[in-house]
Amino acid sequence: MNNNSQLMKNFLKLEYGVLLLFFISLVYSHQLFSPWVLLIFWYPDIAFFGYLFGSKVGAIAYNLTHYFGTAVGLFAIATIFQIELLEYLSLIQLAHICFDRFLGYGLKYTKGFKYTHLGELK
């Protein structure tokens, strides 16, 4: 990997780290924070069970729960219909997505779990 590629990867990690802190601050601002949030934080990862049915189903399930559009859409619905719990869960989902991207986990290709839009996991 050349220096420019590594610089860009580090820049993206920084960006996701900043967004992670932002979404966590929004979770706190809802004043619903409790120790259970640490468990709820992982709810998007239930999509891993999709991999029990093969790479294609696993990738689709993972991508649906780790796509910013899904979380933003849920947040919009929650805001429009004033569903506070869904609003809260969508903020947690956004924080979780940023955390995963910060670690280098991207949206999955159907080829296998380690093939992501951010590059191949080692």
N, C-alpha and C. Protein backbone atom coordinates (compact mmCIF):
# COMPACT_ATOMS: atom_id res chain seq x y z
N MET A 1 0.86 -1.18 0.00
CA MET A 1 0.00 0.00 0.00
C MET A 1 0.90 1.24 0.00
N ASN A 2 0.61 2.19 -0.90
CA ASN A 2 1.45 3.38 -0.95
C ASN A 2 1.04 4.38 0.13
N ASN A 3 1.86 5.41 0.30
CA ASN A 3 1.64 6.39 1.36
C ASN A 3 0.31 7.13 1.21
N ASN A 4 -0.08 7.46 -0.04
CA ASN A 4 -1.34 8.16 -0.25
C ASN A 4 -2.53 7.31 0.17
N SER A 5 -2.49 6.01 -0.15
CA SER A 5 -3.58 5.11 0.24
C SER A 5 -3.67 5.01 1.75
N GLN A 6 -2.54 4.88 2.41
CA GLN A 6 -2.53 4.77 3.87
C GLN A 6 -3.01 6.07 4.51
N LEU A 7 -2.61 7.19 3.95
CA LEU A 7 -3.05 8.49 4.44
C LEU A 7 -4.57 8.62 4.33
N MET A 8 -5.12 8.19 3.19
CA MET A 8 -6.57 8.26 2.98
C MET A 8 -7.29 7.33 3.96
N LYS A 9 -6.77 6.13 4.17
CA LYS A 9 -7.39 5.20 5.14
C LYS A 9 -7.39 5.81 6.54
N ASN A 10 -6.29 6.42 6.92
CA ASN A 10 -6.20 7.06 8.24
C ASN A 10 -7.15 8.25 8.34
N PHE A 11 -7.28 9.00 7.26
CA PHE A 11 -8.20 10.13 7.24
C PHE A 11 -9.65 9.64 7.43
N LEU A 12 -10.01 8.56 6.74
CA LEU A 12 -11.36 7.99 6.89
C LEU A 12 -11.59 7.48 8.30
N LYS A 13 -10.57 6.85 8.89
CA LYS A 13 -10.71 6.38 10.27
C LYS A 13 -10.93 7.55 11.22
N LEU A 14 -10.21 8.63 11.02
CA LEU A 14 -10.40 9.83 11.84
C LEU A 14 -11.82 10.36 11.68
N GLU A 15 -12.28 10.41 10.45
CA GLU A 15 -13.64 10.90 10.18
C GLU A 15 -14.68 10.04 10.90
N TYR A 16 -14.54 8.73 10.81
CA TYR A 16 -15.49 7.83 11.48
C TYR A 16 -15.37 7.94 13.00
N GLY A 17 -14.17 8.17 13.49
CA GLY A 17 -13.99 8.37 14.93
C GLY A 17 -14.70 9.61 15.43
N VAL A 18 -14.61 10.68 14.67
CA VAL A 18 -15.29 11.93 15.03
C VAL A 18 -16.81 11.74 14.98
N LEU A 19 -17.29 11.06 13.94
CA LEU A 19 -18.73 10.79 13.85
C LEU A 19 -19.19 9.89 14.98
N LEU A 20 -18.38 8.93 15.36
CA LEU A 20 -18.72 8.05 16.49
C LEU A 20 -18.94 8.88 17.76
N LEU A 21 -18.02 9.78 18.05
CA LEU A 21 -18.17 10.65 19.22
C LEU A 21 -19.41 11.54 19.12
N PHE A 22 -19.69 12.02 17.92
CA PHE A 22 -20.87 12.85 17.71
C PHE A 22 -22.15 12.07 18.01
N PHE A 23 -22.26 10.86 17.47
CA PHE A 23 -23.49 10.08 17.68
C PHE A 23 -23.61 9.62 19.13
N ILE A 24 -22.50 9.32 19.77
CA ILE A 24 -22.56 8.96 21.19
C ILE A 24 -23.05 10.17 22.00
N SER A 25 -22.59 11.36 21.64
CA SER A 25 -23.07 12.56 22.35
C SER A 25 -24.57 12.75 22.15
N LEU A 26 -25.08 12.42 20.97
CA LEU A 26 -26.53 12.52 20.74
C LEU A 26 -27.28 11.49 21.58
N VAL A 27 -26.70 10.29 21.72
CA VAL A 27 -27.32 9.27 22.57
C VAL A 27 -27.41 9.79 23.99
N TYR A 28 -26.33 10.36 24.48
CA TYR A 28 -26.33 10.94 25.83
C TYR A 28 -27.34 12.07 25.95
N SER A 29 -27.50 12.87 24.90
CA SER A 29 -28.41 14.01 24.98
C SER A 29 -29.87 13.57 25.12
N HIS A 30 -30.16 12.33 24.74
CA HIS A 30 -31.51 11.81 24.90
C HIS A 30 -31.79 11.41 26.36
N GLN A 31 -30.78 11.44 27.17
CA GLN A 31 -30.87 11.16 28.61
C GLN A 31 -31.50 9.80 28.91
N LEU A 32 -31.30 8.88 28.00
CA LEU A 32 -31.79 7.52 28.21
C LEU A 32 -30.62 6.57 28.44
N PHE A 33 -29.43 7.13 28.57
CA PHE A 33 -28.24 6.29 28.66
C PHE A 33 -28.25 5.48 29.95
N SER A 34 -27.92 4.23 29.82
CA SER A 34 -27.77 3.33 30.97
C SER A 34 -26.73 2.28 30.60
N PRO A 35 -26.30 1.47 31.56
CA PRO A 35 -25.33 0.41 31.23
C PRO A 35 -25.83 -0.54 30.15
N TRP A 36 -27.14 -0.64 29.97
CA TRP A 36 -27.68 -1.52 28.94
C TRP A 36 -27.30 -1.07 27.54
N VAL A 37 -26.97 0.21 27.39
CA VAL A 37 -26.60 0.71 26.07
C VAL A 37 -25.39 -0.06 25.53
N LEU A 38 -24.50 -0.46 26.42
CA LEU A 38 -23.34 -1.21 25.98
C LEU A 38 -23.74 -2.52 25.31
N LEU A 39 -24.82 -3.12 25.77
CA LEU A 39 -25.32 -4.33 25.13
C LEU A 39 -26.13 -4.00 23.87
N ILE A 40 -26.97 -2.98 23.97
CA ILE A 40 -27.79 -2.58 22.84
C ILE A 40 -26.91 -2.11 21.68
N PHE A 41 -25.76 -1.56 22.00
CA PHE A 41 -24.83 -1.05 20.98
C PHE A 41 -24.52 -2.11 19.94
N TRP A 42 -24.58 -3.36 20.31
CA TRP A 42 -24.20 -4.45 19.41
C TRP A 42 -25.38 -5.02 18.64
N TYR A 43 -26.59 -4.48 18.82
CA TYR A 43 -27.75 -5.08 18.16
C TYR A 43 -27.62 -5.17 16.63
N PRO A 44 -26.95 -4.23 15.93
CA PRO A 44 -26.82 -4.43 14.48
C PRO A 44 -26.05 -5.70 14.11
N ASP A 45 -25.24 -6.21 15.03
CA ASP A 45 -24.45 -7.40 14.72
C ASP A 45 -25.24 -8.70 14.76
N ILE A 46 -26.53 -8.64 15.12
CA ILE A 46 -27.34 -9.85 15.00
C ILE A 46 -27.42 -10.28 13.53
N ALA A 47 -27.10 -9.35 12.64
CA ALA A 47 -27.08 -9.66 11.21
C ALA A 47 -26.06 -10.74 10.87
N PHE A 48 -25.08 -10.95 11.74
CA PHE A 48 -24.08 -12.00 11.49
C PHE A 48 -24.74 -13.36 11.33
N PHE A 49 -25.89 -13.54 11.95
CA PHE A 49 -26.58 -14.83 11.83
C PHE A 49 -26.97 -15.12 10.39
N GLY A 50 -27.05 -14.09 9.57
CA GLY A 50 -27.33 -14.29 8.15
C GLY A 50 -26.27 -15.13 7.47
N TYR A 51 -25.05 -15.08 7.98
CA TYR A 51 -23.96 -15.87 7.39
C TYR A 51 -24.16 -17.37 7.61
N LEU A 52 -25.05 -17.75 8.51
CA LEU A 52 -25.38 -19.17 8.68
C LEU A 52 -26.07 -19.72 7.44
N PHE A 53 -26.63 -18.81 6.64
CA PHE A 53 -27.36 -19.20 5.43
C PHE A 53 -26.56 -18.90 4.17
N GLY A 54 -25.27 -18.63 4.32
CA GLY A 54 -24.40 -18.39 3.18
C GLY A 54 -23.92 -16.95 3.09
N SER A 55 -22.93 -16.77 2.23
CA SER A 55 -22.30 -15.45 2.07
C SER A 55 -23.24 -14.40 1.53
N LYS A 56 -24.11 -14.79 0.61
CA LYS A 56 -25.01 -13.81 0.00
C LYS A 56 -26.02 -13.30 1.02
N VAL A 57 -26.69 -14.19 1.74
CA VAL A 57 -27.66 -13.78 2.75
C VAL A 57 -26.96 -13.01 3.86
N GLY A 58 -25.78 -13.48 4.26
CA GLY A 58 -25.02 -12.79 5.31
C GLY A 58 -24.65 -11.37 4.92
N ALA A 59 -24.19 -11.20 3.68
CA ALA A 59 -23.80 -9.86 3.21
C ALA A 59 -25.02 -8.94 3.16
N ILE A 60 -26.14 -9.45 2.68
CA ILE A 60 -27.35 -8.63 2.61
C ILE A 60 -27.80 -8.21 4.01
N ALA A 61 -27.84 -9.17 4.93
CA ALA A 61 -28.26 -8.87 6.30
C ALA A 61 -27.31 -7.88 6.96
N TYR A 62 -26.00 -8.12 6.81
CA TYR A 62 -25.01 -7.23 7.40
C TYR A 62 -25.15 -5.82 6.82
N ASN A 63 -25.25 -5.73 5.50
CA ASN A 63 -25.31 -4.43 4.85
C ASN A 63 -26.57 -3.65 5.21
N LEU A 64 -27.70 -4.35 5.38
CA LEU A 64 -28.92 -3.66 5.78
C LEU A 64 -28.80 -3.01 7.15
N THR A 65 -28.09 -3.66 8.05
CA THR A 65 -27.96 -3.12 9.42
C THR A 65 -26.74 -2.23 9.60
N HIS A 66 -25.87 -2.18 8.59
CA HIS A 66 -24.66 -1.37 8.69
C HIS A 66 -24.58 -0.30 7.60
N TYR A 67 -25.70 0.02 7.02
CA TYR A 67 -25.80 1.03 5.98
C TYR A 67 -26.32 2.31 6.61
N PHE A 68 -25.63 3.41 6.38
CA PHE A 68 -26.05 4.68 6.96
C PHE A 68 -27.48 5.03 6.56
N GLY A 69 -27.86 4.73 5.34
CA GLY A 69 -29.20 5.05 4.86
C GLY A 69 -30.30 4.39 5.69
N THR A 70 -30.07 3.14 6.10
CA THR A 70 -31.06 2.44 6.93
C THR A 70 -31.23 3.16 8.26
N ALA A 71 -30.12 3.47 8.91
CA ALA A 71 -30.17 4.13 10.21
C ALA A 71 -30.76 5.53 10.12
N VAL A 72 -30.39 6.27 9.10
CA VAL A 72 -30.93 7.63 8.92
C VAL A 72 -32.42 7.55 8.60
N GLY A 73 -32.82 6.58 7.79
CA GLY A 73 -34.24 6.39 7.49
C GLY A 73 -35.05 6.07 8.73
N LEU A 74 -34.51 5.18 9.58
CA LEU A 74 -35.19 4.86 10.84
C LEU A 74 -35.29 6.09 11.74
N PHE A 75 -34.22 6.88 11.77
CA PHE A 75 -34.23 8.10 12.58
C PHE A 75 -35.30 9.07 12.08
N ALA A 76 -35.40 9.21 10.75
CA ALA A 76 -36.40 10.11 10.17
C ALA A 76 -37.82 9.65 10.52
N ILE A 77 -38.06 8.35 10.37
CA ILE A 77 -39.38 7.80 10.72
C ILE A 77 -39.67 8.04 12.20
N ALA A 78 -38.67 7.76 13.04
CA ALA A 78 -38.84 7.94 14.48
C ALA A 78 -39.13 9.39 14.84
N THR A 79 -38.47 10.31 14.15
CA THR A 79 -38.68 11.73 14.42
C THR A 79 -40.07 12.18 13.95
N ILE A 80 -40.43 11.77 12.75
CA ILE A 80 -41.74 12.16 12.20
C ILE A 80 -42.88 11.65 13.08
N PHE A 81 -42.78 10.39 13.51
CA PHE A 81 -43.86 9.79 14.29
C PHE A 81 -43.62 9.86 15.80
N GLN A 82 -42.56 10.58 16.18
CA GLN A 82 -42.24 10.81 17.60
C GLN A 82 -42.15 9.49 18.39
N ILE A 83 -41.35 8.57 17.84
CA ILE A 83 -41.11 7.29 18.50
C ILE A 83 -39.72 7.37 19.12
N GLU A 84 -39.69 7.77 20.39
CA GLU A 84 -38.42 8.07 21.05
C GLU A 84 -37.48 6.86 21.10
N LEU A 85 -38.00 5.68 21.38
CA LEU A 85 -37.14 4.49 21.46
C LEU A 85 -36.49 4.19 20.12
N LEU A 86 -37.23 4.29 19.03
CA LEU A 86 -36.67 4.05 17.70
C LEU A 86 -35.65 5.11 17.34
N GLU A 87 -35.90 6.33 17.75
CA GLU A 87 -34.94 7.42 17.52
C GLU A 87 -33.62 7.10 18.23
N TYR A 88 -33.75 6.68 19.46
CA TYR A 88 -32.60 6.30 20.29
C TYR A 88 -31.83 5.14 19.66
N LEU A 89 -32.55 4.09 19.25
CA LEU A 89 -31.90 2.92 18.65
C LEU A 89 -31.22 3.27 17.33
N SER A 90 -31.82 4.16 16.56
CA SER A 90 -31.18 4.55 15.30
C SER A 90 -29.91 5.35 15.54
N LEU A 91 -29.87 6.16 16.60
CA LEU A 91 -28.63 6.87 16.95
C LEU A 91 -27.55 5.88 17.39
N ILE A 92 -27.97 4.87 18.14
CA ILE A 92 -27.02 3.84 18.55
C ILE A 92 -26.52 3.08 17.32
N GLN A 93 -27.42 2.81 16.39
CA GLN A 93 -27.01 2.13 15.16
C GLN A 93 -26.01 2.98 14.39
N LEU A 94 -26.23 4.29 14.30
CA LEU A 94 -25.28 5.17 13.62
C LEU A 94 -23.92 5.15 14.31
N ALA A 95 -23.92 5.18 15.65
CA ALA A 95 -22.65 5.12 16.38
C ALA A 95 -21.95 3.79 16.11
N HIS A 96 -22.72 2.71 16.09
CA HIS A 96 -22.16 1.39 15.86
C HIS A 96 -21.52 1.30 14.47
N ILE A 97 -22.21 1.83 13.47
CA ILE A 97 -21.68 1.82 12.11
C ILE A 97 -20.34 2.57 12.06
N CYS A 98 -20.29 3.72 12.71
CA CYS A 98 -19.04 4.51 12.74
C CYS A 98 -17.94 3.74 13.44
N PHE A 99 -18.28 3.05 14.52
CA PHE A 99 -17.29 2.25 15.25
C PHE A 99 -16.73 1.15 14.35
N ASP A 100 -17.61 0.44 13.66
CA ASP A 100 -17.16 -0.61 12.75
C ASP A 100 -16.28 -0.04 11.64
N ARG A 101 -16.70 1.08 11.07
CA ARG A 101 -15.91 1.68 9.98
C ARG A 101 -14.57 2.18 10.50
N PHE A 102 -14.56 2.69 11.72
CA PHE A 102 -13.32 3.13 12.35
C PHE A 102 -12.34 1.95 12.45
N LEU A 103 -12.87 0.76 12.73
CA LEU A 103 -12.04 -0.44 12.82
C LEU A 103 -11.69 -1.03 11.45
N GLY A 104 -12.30 -0.49 10.39
CA GLY A 104 -11.99 -0.96 9.04
C GLY A 104 -13.00 -1.92 8.46
N TYR A 105 -14.10 -2.15 9.18
CA TYR A 105 -15.14 -3.04 8.66
C TYR A 105 -16.10 -2.25 7.79
N GLY A 106 -16.16 -2.62 6.53
CA GLY A 106 -17.05 -1.93 5.62
C GLY A 106 -18.23 -2.79 5.23
N LEU A 107 -19.03 -2.28 4.32
CA LEU A 107 -20.14 -3.05 3.78
C LEU A 107 -19.58 -4.27 3.05
N LYS A 108 -20.29 -5.36 3.12
CA LYS A 108 -19.76 -6.64 2.64
C LYS A 108 -20.16 -6.93 1.20
N TYR A 109 -19.22 -7.55 0.50
CA TYR A 109 -19.51 -8.14 -0.81
C TYR A 109 -19.98 -9.57 -0.57
N THR A 110 -20.73 -10.10 -1.51
CA THR A 110 -21.26 -11.46 -1.34
C THR A 110 -20.17 -12.52 -1.47
N LYS A 111 -19.01 -12.14 -1.89
CA LYS A 111 -17.87 -13.05 -2.04
C LYS A 111 -17.45 -13.66 -0.71
N GLY A 112 -17.67 -12.95 0.39
CA GLY A 112 -17.29 -13.43 1.72
C GLY A 112 -17.17 -12.28 2.70
N PHE A 113 -17.17 -12.61 3.99
CA PHE A 113 -17.17 -11.60 5.05
C PHE A 113 -15.98 -10.66 4.97
N LYS A 114 -14.82 -11.16 4.60
CA LYS A 114 -13.63 -10.31 4.64
C LYS A 114 -13.50 -9.36 3.45
N TYR A 115 -14.43 -9.43 2.49
CA TYR A 115 -14.38 -8.56 1.33
C TYR A 115 -15.36 -7.40 1.53
N THR A 116 -14.80 -6.19 1.73
CA THR A 116 -15.62 -5.03 2.06
C THR A 116 -15.35 -3.88 1.10
N HIS A 117 -16.21 -2.89 1.15
CA HIS A 117 -16.03 -1.71 0.31
C HIS A 117 -14.82 -0.88 0.75
N LEU A 118 -14.30 -1.16 1.94
CA LEU A 118 -13.11 -0.45 2.42
C LEU A 118 -11.83 -1.23 2.14
N GLY A 119 -11.97 -2.38 1.51
CA GLY A 119 -10.82 -3.23 1.21
C GLY A 119 -10.97 -4.57 1.89
N GLU A 120 -10.07 -5.46 1.58
CA GLU A 120 -10.10 -6.81 2.13
C GLU A 120 -9.56 -6.81 3.57
N LEU A 121 -10.32 -7.45 4.45
CA LEU A 121 -9.88 -7.58 5.85
C LEU A 121 -8.76 -8.60 5.93
N LYS A 122 -7.81 -8.34 6.74
CA LYS A 122 -6.67 -9.26 6.90
C LYS A 122 -6.87 -10.10 8.13
